[in-house]
Amino acid sequence: MQEPTCPKCGSAMEEGFILDDTYGGHVPTEWAEGKPRRSIWTGVKIAKEARHPMTTYRCRGCGYLESYAVPD
């Protein structure tokens, strides 16, 4: 696969992820379908099938970030 280039400055981009600090650990950020619904216990109700892992690219030149939810 060809390395992506930055849409802002044209430099090479590197793959990574956005870190989410949680109680007792760290996890990669996920994208969730639909509007958030409040939950007293967890903050937000989310169905498992509505969650999608994300990949984020960072420009080596200007630092621009671009994220993608991994398709099913």
N, C-alpha and C. Protein backbone atom coordinates (compact mmCIF):
# COMPACT_ATOMS: atom_id res chain seq x y z
N MET A 1 0.84 -1.20 0.00
CA MET A 1 0.00 0.00 0.00
C MET A 1 0.88 1.24 0.00
N GLN A 2 0.48 2.21 -0.79
CA GLN A 2 1.23 3.46 -0.89
C GLN A 2 1.01 4.30 0.37
N GLU A 3 2.08 4.92 0.86
CA GLU A 3 2.01 5.77 2.03
C GLU A 3 1.16 7.01 1.70
N PRO A 4 0.17 7.36 2.56
CA PRO A 4 -0.67 8.53 2.27
C PRO A 4 0.13 9.83 2.37
N THR A 5 -0.35 10.83 1.64
CA THR A 5 0.27 12.15 1.71
C THR A 5 -0.71 13.14 2.33
N CYS A 6 -0.18 14.14 2.95
CA CYS A 6 -0.97 15.15 3.66
C CYS A 6 -1.75 16.01 2.67
N PRO A 7 -3.07 16.18 2.88
CA PRO A 7 -3.85 17.04 1.99
C PRO A 7 -3.56 18.53 2.21
N LYS A 8 -2.89 18.87 3.31
CA LYS A 8 -2.58 20.29 3.61
C LYS A 8 -1.25 20.74 3.01
N CYS A 9 -0.17 19.90 3.20
CA CYS A 9 1.15 20.34 2.76
C CYS A 9 1.84 19.37 1.80
N GLY A 10 1.28 18.16 1.59
CA GLY A 10 1.84 17.21 0.65
C GLY A 10 2.94 16.31 1.21
N SER A 11 3.28 16.45 2.50
CA SER A 11 4.31 15.60 3.11
C SER A 11 3.76 14.20 3.39
N ALA A 12 4.65 13.27 3.68
CA ALA A 12 4.25 11.89 4.01
C ALA A 12 3.52 11.87 5.35
N MET A 13 2.58 10.93 5.48
CA MET A 13 1.84 10.76 6.74
C MET A 13 2.16 9.39 7.32
N GLU A 14 2.18 9.32 8.66
CA GLU A 14 2.45 8.05 9.33
C GLU A 14 1.22 7.58 10.09
N GLU A 15 1.01 6.26 10.10
CA GLU A 15 -0.15 5.67 10.76
C GLU A 15 0.05 5.63 12.27
N GLY A 16 -1.04 5.82 13.00
CA GLY A 16 -1.02 5.74 14.46
C GLY A 16 -2.43 5.67 14.99
N PHE A 17 -2.62 6.08 16.23
CA PHE A 17 -3.96 6.10 16.82
C PHE A 17 -4.01 7.16 17.90
N ILE A 18 -5.23 7.58 18.24
CA ILE A 18 -5.43 8.55 19.32
C ILE A 18 -5.69 7.76 20.59
N LEU A 19 -4.93 8.03 21.61
CA LEU A 19 -5.01 7.30 22.87
C LEU A 19 -6.12 7.85 23.75
N ASP A 20 -6.92 6.97 24.31
CA ASP A 20 -8.00 7.34 25.22
C ASP A 20 -7.66 6.79 26.60
N ASP A 21 -7.44 7.67 27.56
CA ASP A 21 -7.15 7.24 28.93
C ASP A 21 -8.45 6.86 29.63
N THR A 22 -8.48 5.65 30.17
CA THR A 22 -9.66 5.18 30.89
C THR A 22 -9.25 4.77 32.29
N TYR A 23 -10.23 4.45 33.10
CA TYR A 23 -9.94 4.02 34.46
C TYR A 23 -9.10 2.74 34.41
N GLY A 24 -7.86 2.84 34.88
CA GLY A 24 -6.99 1.68 34.96
C GLY A 24 -6.31 1.28 33.66
N GLY A 25 -6.32 2.13 32.63
CA GLY A 25 -5.64 1.73 31.40
C GLY A 25 -5.73 2.74 30.28
N HIS A 26 -5.29 2.30 29.13
CA HIS A 26 -5.30 3.12 27.91
C HIS A 26 -5.85 2.26 26.79
N VAL A 27 -6.69 2.84 25.93
CA VAL A 27 -7.26 2.13 24.79
C VAL A 27 -7.26 3.05 23.57
N PRO A 28 -7.26 2.47 22.34
CA PRO A 28 -7.41 3.31 21.17
C PRO A 28 -8.84 3.84 21.06
N THR A 29 -9.00 5.02 20.50
CA THR A 29 -10.31 5.62 20.32
C THR A 29 -11.12 4.84 19.30
N GLU A 30 -12.44 4.79 19.48
CA GLU A 30 -13.34 4.14 18.54
C GLU A 30 -14.38 5.16 18.07
N TRP A 31 -14.94 4.91 16.88
CA TRP A 31 -16.02 5.73 16.35
C TRP A 31 -17.32 4.98 16.59
N ALA A 32 -18.38 5.69 17.02
CA ALA A 32 -19.67 5.06 17.29
C ALA A 32 -20.75 5.66 16.40
N GLU A 33 -21.60 4.79 15.85
CA GLU A 33 -22.70 5.22 14.98
C GLU A 33 -23.79 5.93 15.79
N GLY A 34 -24.49 6.84 15.16
CA GLY A 34 -25.66 7.47 15.75
C GLY A 34 -25.35 8.58 16.74
N LYS A 35 -26.42 9.06 17.37
CA LYS A 35 -26.30 10.12 18.37
C LYS A 35 -26.05 9.50 19.73
N PRO A 36 -25.31 10.20 20.61
CA PRO A 36 -25.07 9.64 21.94
C PRO A 36 -26.35 9.62 22.78
N ARG A 37 -26.54 8.52 23.51
CA ARG A 37 -27.66 8.40 24.45
C ARG A 37 -27.07 8.25 25.84
N ARG A 38 -27.53 9.07 26.76
CA ARG A 38 -26.98 9.08 28.12
C ARG A 38 -27.26 7.79 28.87
N SER A 39 -26.30 7.44 29.72
CA SER A 39 -26.44 6.30 30.61
C SER A 39 -25.96 6.72 31.99
N ILE A 40 -26.72 6.42 32.99
CA ILE A 40 -26.33 6.75 34.37
C ILE A 40 -25.07 5.99 34.75
N TRP A 41 -24.94 4.74 34.28
CA TRP A 41 -23.84 3.86 34.71
C TRP A 41 -22.56 4.05 33.93
N THR A 42 -22.65 4.23 32.62
CA THR A 42 -21.43 4.30 31.80
C THR A 42 -21.20 5.65 31.13
N GLY A 43 -22.12 6.58 31.27
CA GLY A 43 -21.99 7.89 30.63
C GLY A 43 -22.70 7.95 29.29
N VAL A 44 -22.49 6.92 28.43
CA VAL A 44 -23.12 6.86 27.12
C VAL A 44 -23.48 5.41 26.81
N LYS A 45 -24.69 5.17 26.31
CA LYS A 45 -25.10 3.82 25.88
C LYS A 45 -24.61 3.59 24.47
N ILE A 46 -23.91 2.46 24.23
CA ILE A 46 -23.38 2.15 22.91
C ILE A 46 -23.56 0.65 22.66
N ALA A 47 -24.19 0.30 21.54
CA ALA A 47 -24.29 -1.09 21.14
C ALA A 47 -22.94 -1.55 20.60
N LYS A 48 -22.56 -2.81 20.88
CA LYS A 48 -21.26 -3.31 20.41
C LYS A 48 -21.11 -3.22 18.90
N GLU A 49 -22.19 -3.54 18.16
CA GLU A 49 -22.10 -3.52 16.70
C GLU A 49 -22.01 -2.10 16.14
N ALA A 50 -22.26 -1.08 16.96
CA ALA A 50 -22.19 0.31 16.52
C ALA A 50 -20.79 0.89 16.68
N ARG A 51 -19.84 0.11 17.21
CA ARG A 51 -18.48 0.59 17.47
C ARG A 51 -17.53 0.16 16.36
N HIS A 52 -16.67 1.09 15.93
CA HIS A 52 -15.72 0.80 14.85
C HIS A 52 -14.34 1.32 15.24
N PRO A 53 -13.29 0.48 15.13
CA PRO A 53 -11.94 0.96 15.42
C PRO A 53 -11.54 2.07 14.46
N MET A 54 -10.64 2.92 14.91
CA MET A 54 -10.18 4.04 14.09
C MET A 54 -8.69 3.95 13.83
N THR A 55 -8.28 4.46 12.67
CA THR A 55 -6.87 4.65 12.35
C THR A 55 -6.68 6.14 12.12
N THR A 56 -5.62 6.68 12.65
CA THR A 56 -5.34 8.11 12.48
C THR A 56 -3.96 8.27 11.86
N TYR A 57 -3.86 9.15 10.88
CA TYR A 57 -2.58 9.45 10.24
C TYR A 57 -2.13 10.84 10.67
N ARG A 58 -0.82 10.98 10.91
CA ARG A 58 -0.23 12.27 11.29
C ARG A 58 0.79 12.67 10.24
N CYS A 59 0.68 13.92 9.79
CA CYS A 59 1.62 14.44 8.81
C CYS A 59 2.97 14.66 9.46
N ARG A 60 4.02 14.15 8.82
CA ARG A 60 5.38 14.33 9.34
C ARG A 60 5.88 15.75 9.16
N GLY A 61 5.25 16.50 8.25
CA GLY A 61 5.68 17.87 7.98
C GLY A 61 4.99 18.91 8.84
N CYS A 62 3.64 18.91 8.84
CA CYS A 62 2.90 19.98 9.54
C CYS A 62 2.13 19.49 10.76
N GLY A 63 2.04 18.16 10.97
CA GLY A 63 1.34 17.65 12.15
C GLY A 63 -0.16 17.46 11.99
N TYR A 64 -0.70 17.73 10.82
CA TYR A 64 -2.13 17.56 10.57
C TYR A 64 -2.54 16.12 10.86
N LEU A 65 -3.72 15.93 11.50
CA LEU A 65 -4.25 14.60 11.79
C LEU A 65 -5.48 14.33 10.94
N GLU A 66 -5.57 13.08 10.43
CA GLU A 66 -6.73 12.67 9.65
C GLU A 66 -7.11 11.27 10.12
N SER A 67 -8.37 11.11 10.58
CA SER A 67 -8.82 9.83 11.14
C SER A 67 -9.82 9.14 10.23
N TYR A 68 -9.79 7.80 10.27
CA TYR A 68 -10.71 6.97 9.49
C TYR A 68 -11.24 5.87 10.38
N ALA A 69 -12.56 5.62 10.31
CA ALA A 69 -13.17 4.47 10.99
C ALA A 69 -12.98 3.29 10.05
N VAL A 70 -12.46 2.20 10.58
CA VAL A 70 -12.19 1.01 9.77
C VAL A 70 -13.51 0.45 9.27
N PRO A 71 -13.64 0.23 7.93
CA PRO A 71 -14.91 -0.29 7.39
C PRO A 71 -15.16 -1.73 7.83
N ASP A 72 -16.44 -2.12 7.83
CA ASP A 72 -16.81 -3.48 8.20
C ASP A 72 -16.30 -4.50 7.21
